[in-house]
Amino acid sequence: MQPRYTQAELEAYLEESLPAAHMAAVEAALRDNPQLLQELTAINGRRDAGVHTLGEIWRRHRVSCPTRQDLGSYLLGALAVEQESYIQFHLETIGCRLCQANLADLQAQHQDAPTAATSRRTRYFQSSAGYLQRDPK
C-alpha cells in the first residue's frame, strides 16, 4: 500500500523543507504513484498561477526560522532561555534543514576563527618586518 501524503507535506516537499529521509520517501512514492505525481503537479500549477495559502506564504518566507544572527547568538549561548529553547525546538524537533545548515556553517566559521586570526597576524608581521627600525645602539 502506498503511503498517503497531505497537501502540506507535498508543499513542504516542493519547498525542500522536509527532513532528508522524508524527502527521499516522497521522491520514491512519486516515482511509483502517478496519482501522487498529478497531485504534486496541481499544487505546483496553483503556485505558478499565484494562488497561495497562508501556510504556503509562511513556509516560503520562512517566517518561523530564526535569523542567522540569532543562530550565531544561540551558538555563543547569548540568548534568553525562551529564545534558546525555541531555536533548539526548531532545529531538533522541526528539523529545519536550512537552519541546521546555517548553524553548521556558523560552527565551522567559529572553529576556524582562531587559526585564521593567527595566520593573518603572521602575514601582517612578515609583510611589515622590513619597515621596523633597528635599535640605534
N, C-alpha and C. Protein backbone atom coordinates (compact mmCIF):
# COMPACT_ATOMS: atom_id res chain seq x y z
N MET A 1 0.84 -1.18 0.00
CA MET A 1 0.00 0.00 0.00
C MET A 1 0.89 1.25 0.00
N GLN A 2 0.54 2.19 -0.85
CA GLN A 2 1.29 3.44 -0.97
C GLN A 2 1.01 4.35 0.22
N PRO A 3 2.02 5.02 0.73
CA PRO A 3 1.76 5.98 1.81
C PRO A 3 0.98 7.17 1.28
N ARG A 4 0.16 7.75 2.12
CA ARG A 4 -0.66 8.91 1.75
C ARG A 4 0.02 10.16 2.29
N TYR A 5 0.22 11.14 1.43
CA TYR A 5 0.85 12.39 1.84
C TYR A 5 -0.17 13.51 1.80
N THR A 6 -0.12 14.37 2.79
CA THR A 6 -1.03 15.50 2.85
C THR A 6 -0.56 16.59 1.89
N GLN A 7 -1.46 17.53 1.63
CA GLN A 7 -1.09 18.65 0.77
C GLN A 7 0.05 19.45 1.41
N ALA A 8 0.00 19.60 2.72
CA ALA A 8 1.06 20.33 3.42
C ALA A 8 2.42 19.63 3.23
N GLU A 9 2.44 18.30 3.29
CA GLU A 9 3.69 17.58 3.09
C GLU A 9 4.20 17.74 1.67
N LEU A 10 3.28 17.71 0.70
CA LEU A 10 3.70 17.89 -0.69
C LEU A 10 4.20 19.32 -0.94
N GLU A 11 3.57 20.30 -0.32
CA GLU A 11 4.03 21.67 -0.44
C GLU A 11 5.42 21.82 0.21
N ALA A 12 5.60 21.18 1.35
CA ALA A 12 6.90 21.22 2.02
C ALA A 12 7.95 20.51 1.17
N TYR A 13 7.54 19.45 0.48
CA TYR A 13 8.45 18.75 -0.44
C TYR A 13 8.91 19.71 -1.54
N LEU A 14 7.98 20.46 -2.11
CA LEU A 14 8.33 21.42 -3.16
C LEU A 14 9.26 22.51 -2.64
N GLU A 15 9.10 22.87 -1.38
CA GLU A 15 9.95 23.89 -0.75
C GLU A 15 11.26 23.31 -0.25
N GLU A 16 11.41 21.98 -0.33
CA GLU A 16 12.58 21.28 0.18
C GLU A 16 12.79 21.54 1.66
N SER A 17 11.69 21.55 2.40
CA SER A 17 11.79 21.83 3.84
C SER A 17 11.47 20.62 4.70
N LEU A 18 11.36 19.45 4.10
CA LEU A 18 11.17 18.22 4.88
C LEU A 18 12.53 17.67 5.28
N PRO A 19 12.58 16.88 6.35
CA PRO A 19 13.83 16.19 6.68
C PRO A 19 14.27 15.31 5.50
N ALA A 20 15.56 15.09 5.38
CA ALA A 20 16.12 14.38 4.22
C ALA A 20 15.47 13.01 4.00
N ALA A 21 15.25 12.25 5.06
CA ALA A 21 14.66 10.92 4.92
C ALA A 21 13.22 11.01 4.40
N HIS A 22 12.48 12.01 4.88
CA HIS A 22 11.10 12.21 4.43
C HIS A 22 11.09 12.65 2.97
N MET A 23 12.03 13.51 2.58
CA MET A 23 12.14 13.94 1.18
C MET A 23 12.37 12.73 0.27
N ALA A 24 13.26 11.84 0.70
CA ALA A 24 13.56 10.65 -0.09
C ALA A 24 12.35 9.73 -0.21
N ALA A 25 11.56 9.62 0.86
CA ALA A 25 10.36 8.77 0.83
C ALA A 25 9.32 9.34 -0.13
N VAL A 26 9.14 10.66 -0.10
CA VAL A 26 8.19 11.29 -1.03
C VAL A 26 8.67 11.10 -2.46
N GLU A 27 9.95 11.28 -2.68
CA GLU A 27 10.53 11.10 -4.02
C GLU A 27 10.28 9.69 -4.55
N ALA A 28 10.50 8.70 -3.70
CA ALA A 28 10.28 7.30 -4.11
C ALA A 28 8.79 7.06 -4.41
N ALA A 29 7.91 7.62 -3.58
CA ALA A 29 6.47 7.45 -3.80
C ALA A 29 6.03 8.13 -5.09
N LEU A 30 6.62 9.26 -5.41
CA LEU A 30 6.28 9.96 -6.65
C LEU A 30 6.64 9.14 -7.88
N ARG A 31 7.71 8.39 -7.80
CA ARG A 31 8.13 7.55 -8.94
C ARG A 31 7.15 6.41 -9.18
N ASP A 32 6.54 5.91 -8.11
CA ASP A 32 5.68 4.73 -8.22
C ASP A 32 4.20 5.05 -8.29
N ASN A 33 3.81 6.28 -8.04
CA ASN A 33 2.39 6.61 -7.92
C ASN A 33 2.02 7.78 -8.83
N PRO A 34 1.45 7.49 -10.02
CA PRO A 34 1.09 8.57 -10.95
C PRO A 34 0.05 9.55 -10.37
N GLN A 35 -0.85 9.05 -9.52
CA GLN A 35 -1.86 9.92 -8.92
C GLN A 35 -1.20 10.94 -7.98
N LEU A 36 -0.22 10.51 -7.22
CA LEU A 36 0.51 11.41 -6.33
C LEU A 36 1.27 12.46 -7.15
N LEU A 37 1.83 12.03 -8.27
CA LEU A 37 2.53 12.96 -9.15
C LEU A 37 1.56 14.00 -9.71
N GLN A 38 0.33 13.59 -10.03
CA GLN A 38 -0.69 14.53 -10.51
C GLN A 38 -1.05 15.53 -9.42
N GLU A 39 -1.18 15.07 -8.18
CA GLU A 39 -1.46 15.97 -7.05
C GLU A 39 -0.35 17.01 -6.92
N LEU A 40 0.89 16.57 -7.00
CA LEU A 40 2.02 17.47 -6.89
C LEU A 40 2.04 18.47 -8.04
N THR A 41 1.71 18.00 -9.23
CA THR A 41 1.65 18.88 -10.41
C THR A 41 0.57 19.94 -10.23
N ALA A 42 -0.58 19.55 -9.67
CA ALA A 42 -1.67 20.50 -9.43
C ALA A 42 -1.26 21.55 -8.40
N ILE A 43 -0.59 21.13 -7.34
CA ILE A 43 -0.12 22.08 -6.32
C ILE A 43 0.87 23.05 -6.95
N ASN A 44 1.78 22.53 -7.73
CA ASN A 44 2.77 23.38 -8.38
C ASN A 44 2.10 24.34 -9.36
N GLY A 45 1.07 23.87 -10.06
CA GLY A 45 0.33 24.72 -11.00
C GLY A 45 -0.37 25.87 -10.29
N ARG A 46 -0.98 25.59 -9.13
CA ARG A 46 -1.63 26.65 -8.35
C ARG A 46 -0.60 27.67 -7.88
N ARG A 47 0.56 27.19 -7.50
CA ARG A 47 1.61 28.11 -7.04
C ARG A 47 2.08 28.99 -8.19
N ASP A 48 2.24 28.40 -9.36
CA ASP A 48 2.68 29.18 -10.52
C ASP A 48 1.62 30.18 -10.97
N ALA A 49 0.35 29.86 -10.70
CA ALA A 49 -0.74 30.75 -11.09
C ALA A 49 -0.94 31.87 -10.07
N GLY A 50 -0.22 31.84 -8.99
CA GLY A 50 -0.32 32.90 -8.00
C GLY A 50 -1.35 32.64 -6.92
N VAL A 51 -1.87 31.43 -6.83
CA VAL A 51 -2.83 31.08 -5.78
C VAL A 51 -2.02 30.55 -4.59
N HIS A 52 -2.03 31.30 -3.52
CA HIS A 52 -1.21 30.93 -2.37
C HIS A 52 -2.07 30.83 -1.12
N THR A 53 -1.72 29.86 -0.28
CA THR A 53 -2.37 29.76 1.02
C THR A 53 -1.50 30.50 2.04
N LEU A 54 -2.09 30.82 3.17
CA LEU A 54 -1.34 31.48 4.23
C LEU A 54 -0.18 30.60 4.70
N GLY A 55 -0.44 29.31 4.83
CA GLY A 55 0.62 28.38 5.25
C GLY A 55 1.76 28.33 4.25
N GLU A 56 1.43 28.37 2.98
CA GLU A 56 2.46 28.32 1.94
C GLU A 56 3.32 29.59 1.98
N ILE A 57 2.68 30.73 2.15
CA ILE A 57 3.41 32.00 2.25
C ILE A 57 4.32 31.96 3.48
N TRP A 58 3.80 31.46 4.58
CA TRP A 58 4.56 31.34 5.83
C TRP A 58 5.81 30.49 5.61
N ARG A 59 5.63 29.33 4.95
CA ARG A 59 6.76 28.43 4.70
C ARG A 59 7.74 29.03 3.71
N ARG A 60 7.23 29.62 2.64
CA ARG A 60 8.10 30.15 1.59
C ARG A 60 9.00 31.26 2.13
N HIS A 61 8.46 32.12 2.98
CA HIS A 61 9.25 33.22 3.52
C HIS A 61 9.93 32.86 4.83
N ARG A 62 9.79 31.60 5.24
CA ARG A 62 10.46 31.07 6.42
C ARG A 62 10.27 31.97 7.64
N VAL A 63 9.03 32.33 7.88
CA VAL A 63 8.69 33.24 8.97
C VAL A 63 9.10 32.67 10.32
N SER A 64 9.02 31.37 10.47
CA SER A 64 9.34 30.77 11.78
C SER A 64 10.83 30.50 11.96
N CYS A 65 11.64 30.71 10.93
CA CYS A 65 13.08 30.46 11.03
C CYS A 65 13.77 31.61 11.76
N PRO A 66 14.68 31.27 12.66
CA PRO A 66 15.47 32.33 13.30
C PRO A 66 16.45 32.92 12.28
N THR A 67 16.87 34.16 12.52
CA THR A 67 17.83 34.80 11.64
C THR A 67 19.21 34.16 11.85
N ARG A 68 20.10 34.42 10.92
CA ARG A 68 21.47 33.92 11.05
C ARG A 68 22.13 34.54 12.28
N GLN A 69 21.82 35.79 12.56
CA GLN A 69 22.36 36.46 13.75
C GLN A 69 21.86 35.75 15.01
N ASP A 70 20.57 35.38 15.04
CA ASP A 70 20.03 34.65 16.20
C ASP A 70 20.71 33.29 16.35
N LEU A 71 20.97 32.62 15.21
CA LEU A 71 21.67 31.34 15.28
C LEU A 71 23.09 31.51 15.82
N GLY A 72 23.74 32.59 15.43
CA GLY A 72 25.08 32.87 15.97
C GLY A 72 25.04 33.12 17.46
N SER A 73 24.04 33.86 17.91
CA SER A 73 23.89 34.11 19.35
C SER A 73 23.57 32.81 20.09
N TYR A 74 22.78 31.95 19.45
CA TYR A 74 22.47 30.63 20.02
C TYR A 74 23.75 29.82 20.19
N LEU A 75 24.59 29.86 19.17
CA LEU A 75 25.85 29.13 19.20
C LEU A 75 26.76 29.62 20.33
N LEU A 76 26.72 30.92 20.58
CA LEU A 76 27.55 31.50 21.64
C LEU A 76 26.91 31.43 23.02
N GLY A 77 25.65 30.96 23.08
CA GLY A 77 24.94 30.88 24.35
C GLY A 77 24.56 32.24 24.90
N ALA A 78 24.24 33.18 23.99
CA ALA A 78 23.96 34.56 24.40
C ALA A 78 22.49 34.95 24.25
N LEU A 79 21.60 33.98 24.30
CA LEU A 79 20.17 34.26 24.14
C LEU A 79 19.41 34.06 25.44
N ALA A 80 18.24 34.66 25.51
CA ALA A 80 17.34 34.41 26.63
C ALA A 80 16.90 32.94 26.57
N VAL A 81 16.55 32.39 27.69
CA VAL A 81 16.18 30.98 27.78
C VAL A 81 15.04 30.63 26.82
N GLU A 82 14.01 31.50 26.73
CA GLU A 82 12.87 31.22 25.87
C GLU A 82 13.28 31.17 24.40
N GLN A 83 14.12 32.12 23.99
CA GLN A 83 14.55 32.16 22.60
C GLN A 83 15.45 30.98 22.29
N GLU A 84 16.34 30.65 23.20
CA GLU A 84 17.21 29.49 23.01
C GLU A 84 16.39 28.21 22.92
N SER A 85 15.37 28.10 23.74
CA SER A 85 14.50 26.93 23.71
C SER A 85 13.77 26.81 22.38
N TYR A 86 13.30 27.95 21.85
CA TYR A 86 12.60 27.91 20.56
C TYR A 86 13.55 27.47 19.45
N ILE A 87 14.76 28.01 19.44
CA ILE A 87 15.70 27.66 18.37
C ILE A 87 16.08 26.19 18.47
N GLN A 88 16.27 25.69 19.67
CA GLN A 88 16.57 24.27 19.85
C GLN A 88 15.40 23.41 19.32
N PHE A 89 14.16 23.81 19.63
CA PHE A 89 12.98 23.10 19.13
C PHE A 89 12.95 23.15 17.60
N HIS A 90 13.21 24.31 17.04
CA HIS A 90 13.18 24.50 15.59
C HIS A 90 14.23 23.62 14.90
N LEU A 91 15.40 23.53 15.50
CA LEU A 91 16.48 22.74 14.91
C LEU A 91 16.29 21.24 15.10
N GLU A 92 15.92 20.84 16.31
CA GLU A 92 15.90 19.41 16.65
C GLU A 92 14.56 18.74 16.40
N THR A 93 13.46 19.40 16.77
CA THR A 93 12.15 18.77 16.62
C THR A 93 11.58 19.01 15.23
N ILE A 94 11.56 20.25 14.79
CA ILE A 94 11.07 20.57 13.45
C ILE A 94 12.06 20.05 12.42
N GLY A 95 13.35 20.15 12.72
CA GLY A 95 14.38 19.63 11.82
C GLY A 95 14.57 20.49 10.58
N CYS A 96 14.49 21.81 10.74
CA CYS A 96 14.64 22.72 9.60
C CYS A 96 16.04 22.58 9.00
N ARG A 97 16.10 22.07 7.79
CA ARG A 97 17.40 21.81 7.17
C ARG A 97 18.16 23.09 6.85
N LEU A 98 17.45 24.15 6.48
CA LEU A 98 18.11 25.41 6.18
C LEU A 98 18.80 25.96 7.43
N CYS A 99 18.08 25.96 8.54
CA CYS A 99 18.66 26.47 9.79
C CYS A 99 19.78 25.56 10.29
N GLN A 100 19.63 24.26 10.11
CA GLN A 100 20.70 23.34 10.51
C GLN A 100 21.96 23.59 9.68
N ALA A 101 21.78 23.87 8.39
CA ALA A 101 22.93 24.17 7.53
C ALA A 101 23.57 25.50 7.93
N ASN A 102 22.74 26.50 8.23
CA ASN A 102 23.27 27.78 8.69
C ASN A 102 24.08 27.61 9.98
N LEU A 103 23.53 26.84 10.92
CA LEU A 103 24.21 26.62 12.19
C LEU A 103 25.54 25.89 11.97
N ALA A 104 25.53 24.88 11.10
CA ALA A 104 26.77 24.14 10.82
C ALA A 104 27.82 25.06 10.20
N ASP A 105 27.39 25.96 9.32
CA ASP A 105 28.31 26.92 8.71
C ASP A 105 28.88 27.86 9.77
N LEU A 106 28.03 28.34 10.66
CA LEU A 106 28.50 29.23 11.73
C LEU A 106 29.46 28.50 12.67
N GLN A 107 29.18 27.22 12.96
CA GLN A 107 30.07 26.44 13.82
C GLN A 107 31.45 26.27 13.16
N ALA A 108 31.45 26.01 11.86
CA ALA A 108 32.72 25.85 11.14
C ALA A 108 33.50 27.16 11.15
N GLN A 109 32.81 28.28 10.95
CA GLN A 109 33.48 29.58 10.98
C GLN A 109 34.05 29.87 12.38
N HIS A 110 33.27 29.51 13.38
CA HIS A 110 33.70 29.75 14.77
C HIS A 110 34.94 28.92 15.12
N GLN A 111 35.00 27.70 14.62
CA GLN A 111 36.15 26.83 14.89
C GLN A 111 37.39 27.28 14.12
N ASP A 112 37.19 27.83 12.92
CA ASP A 112 38.31 28.28 12.09
C ASP A 112 38.82 29.67 12.49
N ALA A 113 38.06 30.41 13.26
CA ALA A 113 38.41 31.80 13.58
C ALA A 113 39.78 31.96 14.23
N PRO A 114 40.14 31.19 15.28
CA PRO A 114 41.45 31.38 15.90
C PRO A 114 42.60 31.10 14.93
N THR A 115 42.49 30.09 14.11
CA THR A 115 43.53 29.75 13.15
C THR A 115 43.67 30.86 12.11
N ALA A 116 42.55 31.38 11.63
CA ALA A 116 42.58 32.44 10.62
C ALA A 116 43.19 33.72 11.20
N ALA A 117 42.87 34.06 12.43
CA ALA A 117 43.42 35.27 13.05
C ALA A 117 44.93 35.15 13.23
N THR A 118 45.41 34.00 13.66
CA THR A 118 46.84 33.79 13.83
C THR A 118 47.56 33.88 12.50
N SER A 119 46.99 33.28 11.49
CA SER A 119 47.58 33.32 10.15
C SER A 119 47.63 34.75 9.63
N ARG A 120 46.57 35.49 9.84
CA ARG A 120 46.51 36.89 9.38
C ARG A 120 47.56 37.73 10.10
N ARG A 121 47.71 37.58 11.42
CA ARG A 121 48.71 38.32 12.18
C ARG A 121 50.12 38.01 11.67
N THR A 122 50.38 36.75 11.39
CA THR A 122 51.70 36.35 10.89
C THR A 122 51.99 37.00 9.56
N ARG A 123 51.02 37.01 8.66
CA ARG A 123 51.20 37.64 7.34
C ARG A 123 51.45 39.14 7.49
N TYR A 124 50.70 39.81 8.37
CA TYR A 124 50.90 41.24 8.60
C TYR A 124 52.31 41.51 9.10
N PHE A 125 52.75 40.71 10.06
CA PHE A 125 54.08 40.90 10.62
C PHE A 125 55.14 40.68 9.56
N GLN A 126 55.00 39.61 8.79
CA GLN A 126 56.00 39.30 7.76
C GLN A 126 56.05 40.39 6.69
N SER A 127 54.91 40.96 6.35
CA SER A 127 54.89 41.98 5.29
C SER A 127 55.42 43.31 5.79
N SER A 128 55.44 43.54 7.08
CA SER A 128 55.91 44.83 7.61
C SER A 128 57.26 44.74 8.31
N ALA A 129 57.85 43.57 8.35
CA ALA A 129 59.11 43.39 9.09
C ALA A 129 60.22 44.29 8.56
N GLY A 130 60.28 44.54 7.28
CA GLY A 130 61.32 45.39 6.70
C GLY A 130 61.18 46.85 7.05
N TYR A 131 60.01 47.26 7.51
CA TYR A 131 59.76 48.66 7.85
C TYR A 131 60.06 48.98 9.32
N LEU A 132 60.36 47.97 10.10
CA LEU A 132 60.66 48.20 11.51
C LEU A 132 62.07 48.77 11.65
N GLN A 133 62.23 49.74 12.50
CA GLN A 133 63.55 50.34 12.70
C GLN A 133 64.35 49.49 13.67
N ARG A 134 65.65 49.46 13.39
CA ARG A 134 66.53 48.73 14.29
C ARG A 134 66.88 49.61 15.46
N ASP A 135 67.22 48.97 16.54
CA ASP A 135 67.60 49.69 17.75
C ASP A 135 68.91 50.45 17.48
N PRO A 136 68.92 51.80 17.63
CA PRO A 136 70.13 52.58 17.28
C PRO A 136 71.20 52.55 18.37
N LYS A 137 71.68 51.46 18.77
CA LYS A 137 72.71 51.37 19.84
C LYS A 137 74.06 51.62 19.29
